[in-house]
Amino acid sequence: MKIGICNELFQGWPIAQIFEYAARLGYGGVEIAPFTLADSVRDISSGKREEIRRAAAERGIEIIGLHWLLVKPEGLYINHPEPEIRRRTKEYLQELIHFCADLGGKILSHGSPKQRTIQEGWNFEEGWKRARETFEDCLPTAEERGVTYCIEPLTRSNTNFINTVEEALRLVAEINHPNFQMLVDCRSAEENEGSAAEAVREALTSGHLRHVHLNDVSGRGPGFGEVAFSPILKELSKGNYSGWASVEVFEFDRDPQTIASRSIGYLQGILEALG
């Protein structure tokens, strides 16, 4: 198991400074939210991509991949009834796959609740089919670039589309492609399913777990709230999980140094106790 951290926590920091600080704390990787770098990844030149990749490598940091995929640009939606909106969305998702691979990343974490919610008046099963087709059309590019696309069950307070491990696994089974898998977000799993540890166990048992987001139901980092992460990390260890687990926070009421340092200290303490 490898511990990483998401970059949007460090608002306003140059990306190289984030890599340097994460490495100093003991994180092995950084997961990038594309909207923190540009409104569209199309605006990030090949030279800039190589610069980001080199900056991470020089500091011993692996770029894990991307998340918060569709925050920007505006107007994208994976299961919208309008074919033109879905076409633009598919094209941009393919751009994100290329961007991820250009940085050396291997994982795309698909959350983006506002760009997937089934709106009032839409047929749910039709929306499910449209989302499936959107992902299916992107997977040849993912396979070509060696990127795994992961669907993320999210809390019902954020979206009504794919909230549980079971629902994510249904989509994974229907798409049936090695480059389409799933991740577990601890905050959402704890809220939706009552136990993030049990959600992790279910996902591990399926053989389709490729990524984990570590966060508390409060939106804070591990160790800052009520969720006990020992059972979660124990399940990952028992399941011989060797992928990334990224600290992802939504509440920035502490400074990034405090959040990042206390989170990894808490997690490392648990991992050392587990042996």
Protein backbone atom coordinates (compact mmCIF):
# COMPACT_ATOMS: atom_id res chain seq x y z
CA MET A 1 0.00 0.00 0.00
CA LYS A 2 1.29 3.43 -0.98
CA ILE A 3 0.16 6.68 0.67
CA GLY A 4 -0.42 9.78 -1.43
CA ILE A 5 -2.13 13.14 -1.09
CA CYS A 6 -4.35 15.25 -3.34
CA ASN A 7 -2.95 18.58 -4.50
CA GLU A 8 -6.03 20.83 -4.17
CA LEU A 9 -5.40 20.97 -0.42
CA PHE A 10 -2.41 23.23 -1.13
CA GLN A 11 -4.35 26.10 -2.63
CA GLY A 12 -2.12 28.58 -4.43
CA TRP A 13 1.09 26.59 -4.00
CA PRO A 14 3.30 26.04 -7.07
CA ILE A 15 3.10 22.39 -8.07
CA ALA A 16 6.83 21.81 -7.55
CA GLN A 17 6.53 23.13 -3.99
CA ILE A 18 3.69 20.66 -3.33
CA PHE A 19 5.85 17.78 -4.56
CA GLU A 20 8.75 18.89 -2.38
CA TYR A 21 6.65 19.28 0.77
CA ALA A 22 4.78 15.99 0.25
CA ALA A 23 8.06 14.15 -0.16
CA ARG A 24 9.48 15.77 2.97
CA LEU A 25 6.51 14.48 4.99
CA GLY A 26 6.87 10.96 3.64
CA TYR A 27 4.13 10.81 1.01
CA GLY A 28 5.05 8.73 -2.01
CA GLY A 29 2.71 10.30 -4.53
CA VAL A 30 0.49 13.26 -5.39
CA GLU A 31 -2.93 13.03 -7.03
CA ILE A 32 -3.80 16.04 -9.17
CA ALA A 33 -7.12 17.83 -9.68
CA PRO A 34 -6.77 19.22 -13.23
CA PHE A 35 -8.80 22.37 -12.52
CA THR A 36 -6.05 23.52 -10.13
CA LEU A 37 -3.66 23.77 -13.07
CA ALA A 38 -5.88 25.17 -15.84
CA ASP A 39 -9.53 25.56 -16.83
CA SER A 40 -8.84 22.99 -19.55
CA VAL A 41 -5.94 20.57 -19.86
CA ARG A 42 -5.90 21.44 -23.55
CA ASP A 43 -4.22 24.68 -22.44
CA ILE A 44 -1.32 22.81 -20.80
CA SER A 45 1.46 22.47 -23.37
CA SER A 46 3.60 19.38 -23.87
CA GLY A 47 6.52 21.35 -22.46
CA LYS A 48 4.62 22.22 -19.30
CA ARG A 49 3.52 18.60 -18.91
CA GLU A 50 7.11 17.44 -19.11
CA GLU A 51 8.11 20.13 -16.61
CA ILE A 52 5.49 18.86 -14.10
CA ARG A 53 6.55 15.26 -14.63
CA ARG A 54 10.22 16.12 -14.16
CA ALA A 55 9.54 18.22 -11.05
CA ALA A 56 7.83 15.25 -9.40
CA ALA A 57 10.54 12.78 -10.38
CA GLU A 58 13.32 15.04 -9.10
CA ARG A 59 11.69 15.06 -5.68
CA GLY A 60 11.01 11.34 -5.56
CA ILE A 61 7.26 11.80 -5.97
CA GLU A 62 5.07 9.67 -8.21
CA ILE A 63 2.16 11.37 -9.93
CA ILE A 64 -0.65 8.99 -9.06
CA GLY A 65 -3.16 10.32 -11.55
CA LEU A 66 -6.13 12.69 -11.71
CA HIS A 67 -9.40 13.27 -9.87
CA TRP A 68 -12.17 15.93 -9.84
CA LEU A 69 -12.14 15.36 -13.59
CA LEU A 70 -15.08 17.47 -14.80
CA VAL A 71 -15.13 20.51 -12.51
CA LYS A 72 -13.85 22.53 -15.47
CA PRO A 73 -14.45 23.36 -18.26
CA GLU A 74 -18.13 24.18 -17.84
CA GLY A 75 -20.96 22.24 -19.43
CA LEU A 76 -19.69 18.64 -19.36
CA TYR A 77 -21.93 15.74 -18.29
CA ILE A 78 -21.44 11.98 -18.69
CA ASN A 79 -25.11 10.99 -18.97
CA HIS A 80 -26.88 14.08 -20.28
CA PRO A 81 -29.72 13.40 -22.75
CA GLU A 82 -28.16 15.85 -25.24
CA PRO A 83 -25.80 13.92 -27.56
CA GLU A 84 -23.68 17.02 -28.21
CA ILE A 85 -22.97 17.48 -24.50
CA ARG A 86 -21.97 13.83 -24.19
CA ARG A 87 -19.78 14.10 -27.28
CA ARG A 88 -17.88 17.05 -25.80
CA THR A 89 -17.61 15.20 -22.49
CA LYS A 90 -16.15 12.10 -24.13
CA GLU A 91 -13.64 14.18 -26.05
CA TYR A 92 -12.52 15.92 -22.88
CA LEU A 93 -12.27 12.66 -20.94
CA GLN A 94 -9.96 11.38 -23.65
CA GLU A 95 -7.90 14.57 -23.29
CA LEU A 96 -7.68 13.86 -19.55
CA ILE A 97 -6.48 10.33 -20.20
CA HIS A 98 -3.70 11.67 -22.42
CA PHE A 99 -2.83 14.36 -19.86
CA CYS A 100 -2.67 11.78 -17.06
CA ALA A 101 -0.38 9.54 -19.08
CA ASP A 102 1.80 12.47 -20.15
CA LEU A 103 2.41 13.24 -16.46
CA GLY A 104 3.24 9.59 -15.75
CA GLY A 105 -0.05 8.97 -13.93
CA LYS A 106 -1.88 5.65 -14.02
CA ILE A 107 -5.26 6.30 -12.35
CA LEU A 108 -8.26 8.46 -13.26
CA SER A 109 -10.69 8.75 -10.34
CA HIS A 110 -14.16 9.67 -11.58
CA GLY A 111 -16.13 11.53 -8.93
CA SER A 112 -17.54 14.80 -10.33
CA PRO A 113 -21.04 14.46 -8.80
CA LYS A 114 -22.57 17.53 -10.45
CA GLN A 115 -21.72 16.18 -13.88
CA ARG A 116 -23.38 12.78 -13.39
CA THR A 117 -26.53 13.28 -11.27
CA ILE A 118 -29.78 12.02 -12.83
CA GLN A 119 -31.94 15.12 -12.95
CA GLU A 120 -35.67 15.27 -12.31
CA GLY A 121 -37.57 14.03 -15.34
CA TRP A 122 -34.72 11.87 -16.65
CA ASN A 123 -35.12 8.12 -16.83
CA PHE A 124 -32.58 6.52 -14.52
CA GLU A 125 -31.86 3.42 -16.62
CA GLU A 126 -31.45 5.55 -19.73
CA GLY A 127 -29.05 7.76 -17.81
CA TRP A 128 -27.15 4.66 -16.68
CA LYS A 129 -26.88 3.47 -20.29
CA ARG A 130 -25.66 6.88 -21.47
CA ALA A 131 -22.96 6.96 -18.76
CA ARG A 132 -21.86 3.43 -19.66
CA GLU A 133 -21.54 4.38 -23.33
CA THR A 134 -19.55 7.49 -22.44
CA PHE A 135 -17.02 5.43 -20.51
CA GLU A 136 -16.92 2.63 -23.09
CA ASP A 137 -16.02 5.10 -25.84
CA CYS A 138 -13.05 6.36 -23.80
CA LEU A 139 -11.56 3.01 -22.86
CA PRO A 140 -9.61 2.32 -26.08
CA THR A 141 -7.66 5.50 -25.31
CA ALA A 142 -7.16 4.43 -21.69
CA GLU A 143 -5.89 1.03 -22.82
CA GLU A 144 -3.55 2.61 -25.36
CA ARG A 145 -2.06 4.97 -22.76
CA GLY A 146 -1.89 2.47 -19.89
CA VAL A 147 -4.35 4.35 -17.68
CA THR A 148 -7.00 2.73 -15.45
CA TYR A 149 -10.31 4.60 -15.27
CA CYS A 150 -12.02 4.18 -11.88
CA ILE A 151 -15.62 4.95 -11.00
CA GLU A 152 -16.09 6.36 -7.49
CA PRO A 153 -19.24 5.73 -5.43
CA LEU A 154 -20.16 9.05 -3.81
CA THR A 155 -22.36 10.15 -0.94
CA ARG A 156 -26.07 10.54 -1.66
CA SER A 157 -25.91 14.13 -0.45
CA ASN A 158 -23.77 14.87 -3.53
CA THR A 159 -25.32 12.71 -6.24
CA ASN A 160 -27.96 10.06 -6.90
CA PHE A 161 -25.83 8.18 -9.43
CA ILE A 162 -23.62 5.35 -8.13
CA ASN A 163 -23.52 5.58 -4.34
CA THR A 164 -22.42 2.11 -3.28
CA VAL A 165 -19.75 -0.47 -4.02
CA GLU A 166 -22.47 -2.76 -5.34
CA GLU A 167 -23.62 -0.15 -7.88
CA ALA A 168 -20.05 0.58 -8.96
CA LEU A 169 -19.39 -3.14 -9.42
CA ARG A 170 -22.52 -3.45 -11.54
CA LEU A 171 -21.15 -0.81 -13.90
CA VAL A 172 -17.69 -2.42 -13.92
CA ALA A 173 -19.25 -5.80 -14.76
CA GLU A 174 -21.39 -4.38 -17.56
CA ILE A 175 -18.47 -2.55 -19.16
CA ASN A 176 -16.19 -5.54 -18.62
CA HIS A 177 -12.91 -3.89 -19.62
CA PRO A 178 -9.58 -4.28 -17.76
CA ASN A 179 -9.02 -0.52 -17.84
CA PHE A 180 -12.33 0.26 -16.12
CA GLN A 181 -12.31 -0.46 -12.38
CA MET A 182 -13.45 1.21 -9.14
CA LEU A 183 -12.24 3.05 -6.06
CA VAL A 184 -13.53 3.47 -2.54
CA ASP A 185 -13.91 6.90 -0.96
CA CYS A 186 -13.93 6.41 2.82
CA ARG A 187 -16.12 9.41 3.56
CA SER A 188 -18.82 8.29 1.12
CA ALA A 189 -18.61 4.63 2.10
CA GLU A 190 -18.92 5.43 5.79
CA GLU A 191 -21.95 7.63 5.16
CA ASN A 192 -23.71 5.49 2.54
CA GLU A 193 -22.89 1.97 3.67
CA GLY A 194 -22.24 2.39 7.39
CA SER A 195 -18.68 1.10 7.29
CA ALA A 196 -15.82 2.07 5.02
CA ALA A 197 -13.94 -1.02 6.19
CA GLU A 198 -16.76 -3.28 4.98
CA ALA A 199 -16.95 -1.39 1.69
CA VAL A 200 -13.21 -1.87 1.21
CA ARG A 201 -13.57 -5.59 1.98
CA GLU A 202 -16.37 -5.95 -0.59
CA ALA A 203 -14.37 -4.09 -3.23
CA LEU A 204 -11.22 -6.10 -2.53
CA THR A 205 -13.13 -9.37 -2.69
CA SER A 206 -14.46 -8.43 -6.12
CA GLY A 207 -10.93 -8.01 -7.46
CA HIS A 208 -11.79 -4.59 -8.92
CA LEU A 209 -10.44 -2.16 -6.29
CA ARG A 210 -7.70 0.00 -7.81
CA HIS A 211 -7.63 3.15 -5.66
CA VAL A 212 -8.74 4.53 -2.27
CA HIS A 213 -9.49 8.04 -1.02
CA LEU A 214 -8.79 8.51 2.70
CA ASN A 215 -11.04 11.08 4.40
CA ASP A 216 -13.39 11.49 7.35
CA VAL A 217 -17.17 11.92 7.13
CA SER A 218 -16.60 15.49 8.30
CA GLY A 219 -14.66 16.15 5.09
CA ARG A 220 -11.44 16.45 7.07
CA GLY A 221 -8.35 14.32 6.85
CA PRO A 222 -7.74 10.93 8.51
CA GLY A 223 -7.42 11.36 12.26
CA PHE A 224 -9.27 14.68 12.32
CA GLY A 225 -12.74 13.23 12.86
CA GLU A 226 -14.71 10.28 14.16
CA VAL A 227 -13.87 7.61 11.58
CA ALA A 228 -11.47 4.97 12.87
CA PHE A 229 -9.02 4.19 10.08
CA SER A 230 -7.41 1.19 11.77
CA PRO A 231 -10.11 -1.24 10.49
CA ILE A 232 -9.90 0.29 7.01
CA LEU A 233 -6.13 -0.04 6.75
CA LYS A 234 -6.33 -3.49 8.30
CA GLU A 235 -8.70 -4.64 5.55
CA LEU A 236 -6.39 -3.20 2.90
CA SER A 237 -3.38 -4.91 4.47
CA LYS A 238 -5.20 -8.25 4.85
CA GLY A 239 -6.25 -8.04 1.23
CA ASN A 240 -2.66 -7.44 0.12
CA TYR A 241 -3.71 -4.15 -1.47
CA SER A 242 -0.67 -2.70 -3.22
CA GLY A 243 -2.22 0.35 -4.87
CA TRP A 244 -2.45 3.96 -3.79
CA ALA A 245 -4.48 5.41 -0.92
CA SER A 246 -4.69 9.21 -1.20
CA VAL A 247 -5.53 11.69 1.54
CA GLU A 248 -8.38 13.80 0.11
CA VAL A 249 -9.99 16.55 2.17
CA PHE A 250 -12.89 18.93 1.61
CA GLU A 251 -12.69 21.06 4.76
CA PHE A 252 -9.75 23.44 4.80
CA ASP A 253 -10.29 24.88 8.28
CA ARG A 254 -6.67 24.05 9.15
CA ASP A 255 -3.63 25.12 7.18
CA PRO A 256 -2.36 22.59 4.61
CA GLN A 257 0.81 21.89 6.58
CA THR A 258 -1.21 20.82 9.63
CA ILE A 259 -3.63 18.71 7.59
CA ALA A 260 -0.95 16.99 5.53
CA SER A 261 1.48 16.31 8.36
CA ARG A 262 -1.06 15.09 10.91
CA SER A 263 -2.83 12.90 8.35
CA ILE A 264 0.27 10.99 7.32
CA GLY A 265 1.52 10.76 10.89
CA TYR A 266 -1.78 9.20 11.93
CA LEU A 267 -1.79 6.77 9.00
CA GLN A 268 1.85 5.77 9.44
CA GLY A 269 1.22 5.08 13.11
CA ILE A 270 -1.59 2.68 12.23
CA LEU A 271 0.46 0.94 9.53
CA GLU A 272 3.40 0.48 11.90
CA ALA A 273 1.08 -1.03 14.50
CA LEU A 274 -0.32 -3.41 11.92
CA GLY A 275 3.20 -4.53 11.11
